[in-house]
């Protein structure tokens, strides 16, 4: 069961990271076109809208991969002084707390997306519907929460929580 969940989660993480990567490439292209355009007196119209909305995809697209690979910042000042069982309990707690936070983000943004959809809210210049990006953020937050829940479950089952070797 845990193995199947791990496989599904890994595929969702890959998809999430792909979305973030495409977003990063897109933002880079927009910035280059905008800077070159500004040099010739013709900046890219709506570049701020494009960059702002795509940053959501970049940040939340990479969040699950960062958690899965153990890339988040860890303050380990007292880790060597604590027993292994306490460190494991702290890791489990942090995974569960992270999942709760990301579920709260997903729920809040989902409610906001419904409101944006109802009010037909859009970006300032290009009039891109903000609900699209809010729904994407919601989905990417759910992937992040699933990753953190899986990390906690793996630790509870006695395994290692990340792909990298423990140091």
N, C-alpha and C. Protein backbone atom coordinates (compact mmCIF):
# COMPACT_ATOMS: atom_id res chain seq x y z
N UNK A 1 0.83 -1.20 0.00
CA UNK A 1 0.00 0.00 0.00
C UNK A 1 0.87 1.26 0.00
N UNK A 2 1.84 1.29 0.93
CA UNK A 2 2.72 2.45 1.02
C UNK A 2 3.56 2.59 -0.25
N UNK A 3 3.95 1.45 -0.84
CA UNK A 3 4.75 1.46 -2.07
C UNK A 3 3.95 2.05 -3.23
N UNK A 4 2.68 1.70 -3.34
CA UNK A 4 1.82 2.24 -4.40
C UNK A 4 1.61 3.73 -4.22
N UNK A 5 1.37 4.14 -2.98
CA UNK A 5 1.21 5.56 -2.68
C UNK A 5 2.48 6.33 -3.01
N UNK A 6 3.62 5.72 -2.72
CA UNK A 6 4.91 6.35 -3.03
C UNK A 6 5.08 6.53 -4.54
N UNK A 7 4.69 5.53 -5.32
CA UNK A 7 4.80 5.60 -6.78
C UNK A 7 3.90 6.70 -7.34
N UNK A 8 2.65 6.74 -6.87
CA UNK A 8 1.71 7.76 -7.34
C UNK A 8 2.22 9.15 -6.94
N UNK A 9 2.70 9.27 -5.71
CA UNK A 9 3.21 10.55 -5.24
C UNK A 9 4.42 10.99 -6.05
N UNK A 10 5.31 10.06 -6.36
CA UNK A 10 6.48 10.40 -7.18
C UNK A 10 6.06 10.92 -8.55
N UNK A 11 5.03 10.33 -9.14
CA UNK A 11 4.56 10.80 -10.45
C UNK A 11 3.97 12.20 -10.33
N UNK A 12 3.22 12.44 -9.26
CA UNK A 12 2.66 13.78 -9.05
C UNK A 12 3.76 14.81 -8.78
N UNK A 13 4.78 14.39 -8.05
CA UNK A 13 5.92 15.28 -7.80
C UNK A 13 6.62 15.61 -9.11
N UNK A 14 6.82 14.60 -9.95
CA UNK A 14 7.44 14.84 -11.26
C UNK A 14 6.62 15.82 -12.09
N UNK A 15 5.31 15.64 -12.10
CA UNK A 15 4.43 16.54 -12.84
C UNK A 15 4.49 17.95 -12.26
N UNK A 16 4.46 18.04 -10.95
CA UNK A 16 4.54 19.33 -10.26
C UNK A 16 5.86 20.04 -10.59
N UNK A 17 6.95 19.30 -10.53
CA UNK A 17 8.26 19.88 -10.85
C UNK A 17 8.33 20.29 -12.32
N UNK A 18 7.71 19.52 -13.20
CA UNK A 18 7.68 19.86 -14.63
C UNK A 18 6.94 21.18 -14.83
N UNK A 19 5.81 21.35 -14.16
CA UNK A 19 5.04 22.59 -14.24
C UNK A 19 5.90 23.77 -13.77
N UNK A 20 6.59 23.57 -12.65
CA UNK A 20 7.47 24.62 -12.15
C UNK A 20 8.61 24.94 -13.10
N UNK A 21 9.16 23.91 -13.72
CA UNK A 21 10.26 24.10 -14.68
C UNK A 21 9.79 24.86 -15.91
N UNK A 22 8.65 24.47 -16.44
CA UNK A 22 8.10 25.18 -17.61
C UNK A 22 7.82 26.63 -17.24
N UNK A 23 7.30 26.84 -16.03
CA UNK A 23 7.05 28.20 -15.57
C UNK A 23 8.33 29.01 -15.49
N UNK A 24 9.39 28.39 -14.98
CA UNK A 24 10.68 29.09 -14.87
C UNK A 24 11.23 29.44 -16.25
N UNK A 25 11.14 28.53 -17.19
CA UNK A 25 11.60 28.81 -18.56
C UNK A 25 10.77 29.93 -19.19
N UNK A 26 9.46 29.90 -18.94
CA UNK A 26 8.57 30.93 -19.47
C UNK A 26 8.91 32.30 -18.90
N UNK A 27 9.09 32.37 -17.59
CA UNK A 27 9.42 33.65 -16.95
C UNK A 27 10.76 34.18 -17.46
N UNK A 28 11.70 33.30 -17.62
CA UNK A 28 13.01 33.71 -18.15
C UNK A 28 12.85 34.30 -19.55
N UNK A 29 12.07 33.65 -20.38
CA UNK A 29 11.84 34.15 -21.74
C UNK A 29 11.12 35.49 -21.71
N UNK A 30 10.13 35.63 -20.84
CA UNK A 30 9.40 36.89 -20.74
C UNK A 30 10.33 38.02 -20.30
N UNK A 31 11.18 37.74 -19.32
CA UNK A 31 12.11 38.76 -18.84
C UNK A 31 13.09 39.17 -19.94
N UNK A 32 13.62 38.18 -20.67
CA UNK A 32 14.57 38.50 -21.75
C UNK A 32 13.89 39.35 -22.81
N UNK A 33 12.70 38.95 -23.23
CA UNK A 33 11.98 39.72 -24.25
C UNK A 33 11.67 41.12 -23.74
N UNK A 34 11.26 41.22 -22.47
CA UNK A 34 10.93 42.53 -21.89
C UNK A 34 12.16 43.43 -21.81
N UNK A 35 13.30 42.89 -21.37
CA UNK A 35 14.52 43.69 -21.25
C UNK A 35 15.02 44.14 -22.63
N UNK A 36 15.02 43.23 -23.58
CA UNK A 36 15.43 43.60 -24.94
C UNK A 36 14.46 44.63 -25.51
N UNK A 37 13.18 44.41 -25.28
CA UNK A 37 12.18 45.37 -25.76
C UNK A 37 12.35 46.74 -25.15
N UNK A 38 12.64 46.78 -23.85
CA UNK A 38 12.88 48.07 -23.18
C UNK A 38 14.08 48.80 -23.79
N UNK A 39 15.09 48.02 -24.17
CA UNK A 39 16.28 48.61 -24.80
C UNK A 39 15.92 49.32 -26.11
N UNK A 40 14.90 48.80 -26.79
CA UNK A 40 14.47 49.40 -28.05
C UNK A 40 13.24 50.27 -27.89
N UNK A 41 12.88 50.56 -26.63
CA UNK A 41 11.74 51.44 -26.38
C UNK A 41 10.38 50.78 -26.51
N UNK A 42 10.34 49.45 -26.53
CA UNK A 42 9.07 48.75 -26.67
C UNK A 42 9.03 47.56 -25.69
N UNK A 43 8.80 47.84 -24.40
CA UNK A 43 8.75 46.74 -23.44
C UNK A 43 7.57 45.80 -23.71
N UNK A 44 7.67 44.60 -23.22
CA UNK A 44 6.61 43.60 -23.42
C UNK A 44 5.39 43.99 -22.61
N UNK A 45 4.30 44.24 -23.29
CA UNK A 45 3.06 44.63 -22.62
C UNK A 45 2.54 43.46 -21.77
N UNK A 46 2.29 43.72 -20.52
CA UNK A 46 1.73 42.69 -19.64
C UNK A 46 2.76 41.77 -19.01
N UNK A 47 4.02 42.10 -19.16
CA UNK A 47 5.06 41.20 -18.61
C UNK A 47 4.91 41.05 -17.10
N UNK A 48 4.52 42.10 -16.40
CA UNK A 48 4.34 42.00 -14.95
C UNK A 48 3.23 41.01 -14.60
N UNK A 49 2.13 41.03 -15.33
CA UNK A 49 1.05 40.07 -15.12
C UNK A 49 1.55 38.64 -15.33
N UNK A 50 2.26 38.44 -16.43
CA UNK A 50 2.76 37.10 -16.75
C UNK A 50 3.73 36.59 -15.69
N UNK A 51 4.64 37.45 -15.28
CA UNK A 51 5.65 37.04 -14.30
C UNK A 51 5.01 36.77 -12.95
N UNK A 52 4.12 37.65 -12.51
CA UNK A 52 3.47 37.49 -11.20
C UNK A 52 2.68 36.19 -11.13
N UNK A 53 1.89 35.92 -12.13
CA UNK A 53 1.06 34.71 -12.11
C UNK A 53 1.91 33.44 -12.25
N UNK A 54 2.94 33.50 -13.05
CA UNK A 54 3.77 32.32 -13.27
C UNK A 54 4.64 32.01 -12.06
N UNK A 55 4.96 33.01 -11.26
CA UNK A 55 5.75 32.77 -10.05
C UNK A 55 5.04 31.80 -9.10
N UNK A 56 3.73 31.82 -9.12
CA UNK A 56 2.94 30.87 -8.32
C UNK A 56 3.29 29.44 -8.73
N UNK A 57 3.35 29.22 -10.03
CA UNK A 57 3.66 27.88 -10.55
C UNK A 57 5.09 27.48 -10.24
N UNK A 58 5.99 28.43 -10.30
CA UNK A 58 7.41 28.13 -10.03
C UNK A 58 7.61 27.74 -8.57
N UNK A 59 7.12 28.57 -7.67
CA UNK A 59 7.34 28.34 -6.24
C UNK A 59 6.65 27.07 -5.77
N UNK A 60 5.36 26.95 -6.04
CA UNK A 60 4.63 25.79 -5.54
C UNK A 60 4.87 24.54 -6.37
N UNK A 61 5.32 24.72 -7.62
CA UNK A 61 5.66 23.56 -8.45
C UNK A 61 6.87 22.81 -7.92
N UNK A 62 7.80 23.52 -7.35
CA UNK A 62 9.02 22.88 -6.84
C UNK A 62 8.94 22.48 -5.38
N UNK A 63 7.90 22.87 -4.69
CA UNK A 63 7.81 22.63 -3.25
C UNK A 63 7.79 21.14 -2.90
N UNK A 64 7.02 20.34 -3.61
CA UNK A 64 6.92 18.91 -3.31
C UNK A 64 8.25 18.20 -3.58
N UNK A 65 8.91 18.56 -4.67
CA UNK A 65 10.21 17.96 -4.98
C UNK A 65 11.23 18.33 -3.92
N UNK A 66 11.20 19.56 -3.48
CA UNK A 66 12.12 20.01 -2.44
C UNK A 66 11.91 19.20 -1.16
N UNK A 67 10.66 18.95 -0.81
CA UNK A 67 10.39 18.16 0.39
C UNK A 67 10.82 16.71 0.20
N UNK A 68 10.54 16.17 -0.95
CA UNK A 68 10.85 14.76 -1.21
C UNK A 68 12.36 14.48 -1.20
N UNK A 69 13.13 15.45 -1.65
CA UNK A 69 14.58 15.26 -1.70
C UNK A 69 15.28 15.77 -0.44
N UNK A 70 14.51 16.26 0.52
CA UNK A 70 15.10 16.76 1.76
C UNK A 70 15.78 18.10 1.59
N UNK A 71 15.28 18.92 0.69
CA UNK A 71 15.92 20.18 0.37
C UNK A 71 15.50 21.36 1.21
N UNK A 72 14.50 21.20 2.07
CA UNK A 72 14.07 22.32 2.90
C UNK A 72 15.13 22.66 3.95
N UNK A 73 15.13 23.88 4.38
CA UNK A 73 16.06 24.32 5.42
C UNK A 73 15.75 23.58 6.71
N UNK A 74 16.79 23.07 7.34
CA UNK A 74 16.65 22.34 8.59
C UNK A 74 17.57 22.98 9.62
N UNK A 75 17.01 23.30 10.76
CA UNK A 75 17.81 23.82 11.86
C UNK A 75 18.12 22.62 12.76
N UNK A 76 19.37 22.20 12.75
CA UNK A 76 19.74 20.98 13.48
C UNK A 76 20.73 21.26 14.61
N UNK A 77 20.53 22.37 15.28
CA UNK A 77 21.44 22.76 16.36
C UNK A 77 21.46 21.70 17.47
N UNK A 78 20.29 21.21 17.84
CA UNK A 78 20.17 20.27 18.95
C UNK A 78 20.05 18.81 18.51
N UNK A 79 20.06 18.57 17.21
CA UNK A 79 19.82 17.23 16.70
C UNK A 79 20.81 16.21 17.28
N UNK A 80 22.06 16.55 17.37
CA UNK A 80 23.06 15.61 17.88
C UNK A 80 22.89 15.36 19.38
N UNK A 81 22.27 16.29 20.09
CA UNK A 81 22.07 16.12 21.53
C UNK A 81 20.81 15.30 21.85
N UNK A 82 19.89 15.21 20.89
CA UNK A 82 18.65 14.47 21.11
C UNK A 82 18.82 13.00 20.77
N UNK A 83 18.06 12.14 21.43
CA UNK A 83 18.08 10.73 21.05
C UNK A 83 17.45 10.53 19.67
N UNK A 84 17.81 9.45 19.03
CA UNK A 84 17.31 9.16 17.68
C UNK A 84 15.79 9.13 17.64
N UNK A 85 15.17 8.54 18.65
CA UNK A 85 13.71 8.44 18.69
C UNK A 85 13.06 9.83 18.73
N UNK A 86 13.64 10.75 19.47
CA UNK A 86 13.08 12.10 19.54
C UNK A 86 13.26 12.82 18.21
N UNK A 87 14.42 12.67 17.58
CA UNK A 87 14.63 13.27 16.25
C UNK A 87 13.63 12.72 15.25
N UNK A 88 13.36 11.43 15.30
CA UNK A 88 12.39 10.80 14.41
C UNK A 88 10.99 11.36 14.68
N UNK A 89 10.65 11.51 15.97
CA UNK A 89 9.33 12.06 16.33
C UNK A 89 9.20 13.51 15.85
N UNK A 90 10.26 14.27 15.96
CA UNK A 90 10.24 15.65 15.47
C UNK A 90 10.05 15.67 13.96
N UNK A 91 10.74 14.78 13.25
CA UNK A 91 10.59 14.70 11.80
C UNK A 91 9.17 14.31 11.41
N UNK A 92 8.59 13.38 12.13
CA UNK A 92 7.20 12.98 11.85
C UNK A 92 6.26 14.16 12.11
N UNK A 93 6.46 14.82 13.24
CA UNK A 93 5.63 15.98 13.57
C UNK A 93 5.76 17.08 12.52
N UNK A 94 6.99 17.34 12.06
CA UNK A 94 7.18 18.39 11.07
C UNK A 94 6.51 18.02 9.74
N UNK A 95 6.54 16.74 9.38
CA UNK A 95 5.85 16.31 8.17
C UNK A 95 4.34 16.49 8.28
N UNK A 96 3.80 16.12 9.43
CA UNK A 96 2.36 16.27 9.65
C UNK A 96 1.96 17.75 9.71
N UNK A 97 2.77 18.55 10.41
CA UNK A 97 2.48 19.98 10.50
C UNK A 97 2.57 20.63 9.12
N UNK A 98 3.58 20.28 8.34
CA UNK A 98 3.70 20.81 6.98
C UNK A 98 2.50 20.44 6.12
N UNK A 99 2.04 19.19 6.26
CA UNK A 99 0.87 18.76 5.50
C UNK A 99 -0.37 19.56 5.89
N UNK A 100 -0.54 19.80 7.18
CA UNK A 100 -1.68 20.59 7.65
C UNK A 100 -1.60 22.02 7.10
N UNK A 101 -0.41 22.59 7.12
CA UNK A 101 -0.24 23.95 6.60
C UNK A 101 -0.56 23.99 5.11
N UNK A 102 -0.06 23.03 4.35
CA UNK A 102 -0.32 23.03 2.91
C UNK A 102 -1.78 22.72 2.59
N UNK A 103 -2.42 21.89 3.41
CA UNK A 103 -3.85 21.67 3.23
C UNK A 103 -4.63 22.95 3.52
N UNK A 104 -4.21 23.69 4.54
CA UNK A 104 -4.87 24.96 4.85
C UNK A 104 -4.67 25.96 3.72
N UNK A 105 -3.47 25.99 3.15
CA UNK A 105 -3.22 26.87 2.00
C UNK A 105 -4.13 26.47 0.84
N UNK A 106 -4.20 25.16 0.56
CA UNK A 106 -5.03 24.68 -0.54
C UNK A 106 -6.49 25.05 -0.33
N UNK A 107 -6.99 24.85 0.89
CA UNK A 107 -8.39 25.16 1.18
C UNK A 107 -8.67 26.66 1.04
N UNK A 108 -7.80 27.48 1.61
CA UNK A 108 -7.99 28.92 1.56
C UNK A 108 -7.93 29.44 0.12
N UNK A 109 -6.97 28.96 -0.63
CA UNK A 109 -6.83 29.40 -2.01
C UNK A 109 -7.98 28.88 -2.87
N UNK A 110 -8.47 27.68 -2.57
CA UNK A 110 -9.63 27.15 -3.30
C UNK A 110 -10.85 28.05 -3.08
N UNK A 111 -11.07 28.44 -1.83
CA UNK A 111 -12.19 29.35 -1.54
C UNK A 111 -12.00 30.69 -2.26
N UNK A 112 -10.78 31.17 -2.27
CA UNK A 112 -10.47 32.43 -2.96
C UNK A 112 -10.68 32.28 -4.47
N UNK A 113 -10.32 31.13 -5.02
CA UNK A 113 -10.49 30.89 -6.47
C UNK A 113 -11.98 30.88 -6.83
N UNK A 114 -12.78 30.28 -5.98
CA UNK A 114 -14.22 30.28 -6.25
C UNK A 114 -14.77 31.71 -6.24
N UNK A 115 -14.29 32.51 -5.31
CA UNK A 115 -14.70 33.92 -5.25
C UNK A 115 -14.21 34.68 -6.48
N UNK A 116 -12.96 34.44 -6.87
CA UNK A 116 -12.42 35.08 -8.06
C UNK A 116 -13.20 34.70 -9.31
N UNK A 117 -13.61 33.44 -9.36
CA UNK A 117 -14.38 32.98 -10.50
C UNK A 117 -15.76 33.65 -10.52
N UNK A 118 -16.38 33.73 -9.34
CA UNK A 118 -17.70 34.33 -9.25
C UNK A 118 -17.67 35.82 -9.63
N UNK A 119 -16.61 36.51 -9.18
CA UNK A 119 -16.49 37.94 -9.44
C UNK A 119 -15.79 38.25 -10.77
N UNK A 120 -15.35 37.18 -11.46
CA UNK A 120 -14.66 37.31 -12.74
C UNK A 120 -13.42 38.20 -12.61
N UNK A 121 -12.62 37.94 -11.56
CA UNK A 121 -11.40 38.72 -11.33
C UNK A 121 -10.32 38.31 -12.33
N UNK A 122 -9.51 39.30 -12.69
CA UNK A 122 -8.45 39.04 -13.66
C UNK A 122 -7.25 39.94 -13.35
N UNK A 123 -6.15 39.67 -14.06
CA UNK A 123 -4.95 40.49 -13.88
C UNK A 123 -5.19 41.88 -14.46
N UNK A 124 -4.33 42.82 -14.08
CA UNK A 124 -4.54 44.23 -14.43
C UNK A 124 -4.48 44.52 -15.93
N UNK A 125 -3.44 44.05 -16.59
CA UNK A 125 -3.22 44.44 -17.98
C UNK A 125 -3.77 43.45 -18.99
N UNK A 126 -3.43 42.20 -18.83
CA UNK A 126 -3.80 41.19 -19.82
C UNK A 126 -5.17 40.57 -19.59
N UNK A 127 -5.75 40.87 -18.45
CA UNK A 127 -7.06 40.33 -18.08
C UNK A 127 -7.09 38.79 -18.05
N UNK A 128 -5.98 38.20 -17.56
CA UNK A 128 -5.95 36.75 -17.37
C UNK A 128 -6.76 36.42 -16.14
N UNK A 129 -7.65 35.43 -16.21
CA UNK A 129 -8.45 35.08 -15.03
C UNK A 129 -7.55 34.58 -13.89
N UNK A 130 -7.64 35.22 -12.74
CA UNK A 130 -6.80 34.84 -11.61
C UNK A 130 -7.19 33.48 -11.04
N UNK A 131 -8.42 33.06 -11.25
CA UNK A 131 -8.88 31.77 -10.72
C UNK A 131 -8.06 30.61 -11.28
N UNK A 132 -7.62 30.69 -12.53
CA UNK A 132 -6.81 29.62 -13.12
C UNK A 132 -5.57 29.37 -12.29
N UNK A 133 -4.88 30.46 -11.95
CA UNK A 133 -3.65 30.34 -11.19
C UNK A 133 -3.92 29.93 -9.74
N UNK A 134 -5.03 30.36 -9.21
CA UNK A 134 -5.40 29.96 -7.86
C UNK A 134 -5.72 28.47 -7.79
N UNK A 135 -6.42 27.96 -8.79
CA UNK A 135 -6.70 26.52 -8.83
C UNK A 135 -5.40 25.72 -9.00
N UNK A 136 -4.48 26.24 -9.80
CA UNK A 136 -3.19 25.58 -9.97
C UNK A 136 -2.42 25.57 -8.65
N UNK A 137 -2.42 26.69 -7.94
CA UNK A 137 -1.77 26.75 -6.64
C UNK A 137 -2.40 25.76 -5.67
N UNK A 138 -3.70 25.64 -5.71
CA UNK A 138 -4.42 24.69 -4.86
C UNK A 138 -3.97 23.27 -5.15
N UNK A 139 -3.92 22.90 -6.41
CA UNK A 139 -3.49 21.55 -6.80
C UNK A 139 -2.05 21.29 -6.40
N UNK A 140 -1.17 22.25 -6.64
CA UNK A 140 0.24 22.08 -6.28
C UNK A 140 0.43 22.01 -4.77
N UNK A 141 -0.39 22.73 -4.02
CA UNK A 141 -0.35 22.65 -2.55
C UNK A 141 -0.80 21.27 -2.07
N UNK A 142 -1.77 20.71 -2.73
CA UNK A 142 -2.23 19.36 -2.37
C UNK A 142 -1.14 18.32 -2.63
N UNK A 143 -0.40 18.49 -3.71
CA UNK A 143 0.73 17.58 -3.98
C UNK A 143 1.78 17.73 -2.89
N UNK A 144 2.06 18.96 -2.49
CA UNK A 144 3.00 19.20 -1.41
C UNK A 144 2.54 18.57 -0.11
N UNK A 145 1.26 18.70 0.20
CA UNK A 145 0.71 18.09 1.43
C UNK A 145 0.80 16.57 1.37
N UNK A 146 0.49 16.01 0.21
CA UNK A 146 0.59 14.55 0.05
C UNK A 146 2.03 14.09 0.25
N UNK A 147 2.98 14.84 -0.28
CA UNK A 147 4.39 14.49 -0.11
C UNK A 147 4.79 14.50 1.35
N UNK A 148 4.33 15.50 2.09
CA UNK A 148 4.67 15.60 3.50
C UNK A 148 3.99 14.52 4.33
N UNK A 149 2.76 14.19 3.97
CA UNK A 149 2.07 13.07 4.64
C UNK A 149 2.78 11.75 4.38
N UNK A 150 3.23 11.57 3.15
CA UNK A 150 3.96 10.35 2.81
C UNK A 150 5.27 10.28 3.57
N UNK A 151 5.94 11.42 3.73
CA UNK A 151 7.18 11.44 4.51
C UNK A 151 6.92 11.01 5.95
N UNK A 152 5.85 11.54 6.54
CA UNK A 152 5.51 11.17 7.92
C UNK A 152 5.15 9.69 8.01
N UNK A 153 4.38 9.19 7.05
CA UNK A 153 3.99 7.78 7.05
C UNK A 153 5.19 6.87 6.87
N UNK A 154 6.12 7.26 6.02
CA UNK A 154 7.33 6.47 5.80
C UNK A 154 8.16 6.41 7.08
N UNK A 155 8.28 7.54 7.75
CA UNK A 155 9.02 7.56 9.01
C UNK A 155 8.33 6.72 10.09
N UNK A 156 7.02 6.79 10.14
CA UNK A 156 6.27 5.98 11.11
C UNK A 156 6.49 4.50 10.83
N UNK A 157 6.54 4.14 9.54
CA UNK A 157 6.74 2.74 9.15
C UNK A 157 8.19 2.29 9.34
N UNK A 158 9.07 3.21 9.71
CA UNK A 158 10.45 2.83 9.99
C UNK A 158 11.42 3.04 8.85
N UNK A 159 10.98 3.67 7.77
CA UNK A 159 11.87 3.90 6.62
C UNK A 159 12.54 5.25 6.68
N UNK A 160 13.25 5.57 5.62
CA UNK A 160 13.87 6.88 5.46
C UNK A 160 12.92 7.77 4.69
N UNK A 161 12.88 9.03 5.04
CA UNK A 161 11.88 9.94 4.48
C UNK A 161 12.26 10.58 3.18
N UNK A 162 13.53 10.58 2.82
CA UNK A 162 13.96 11.28 1.61
C UNK A 162 14.69 10.33 0.68
N UNK A 163 14.87 10.75 -0.55
CA UNK A 163 15.58 9.94 -1.54
C UNK A 163 17.07 9.91 -1.27
N UNK A 164 17.59 10.98 -0.69
CA UNK A 164 19.05 11.02 -0.45
C UNK A 164 19.41 10.17 0.75
N UNK A 165 20.65 9.76 0.80
CA UNK A 165 21.11 8.95 1.92
C UNK A 165 21.22 9.81 3.18
N UNK A 166 20.81 9.27 4.34
CA UNK A 166 20.95 10.05 5.55
C UNK A 166 22.41 10.28 5.88
N UNK A 167 22.71 11.45 6.44
CA UNK A 167 24.11 11.78 6.73
C UNK A 167 24.46 11.43 8.15
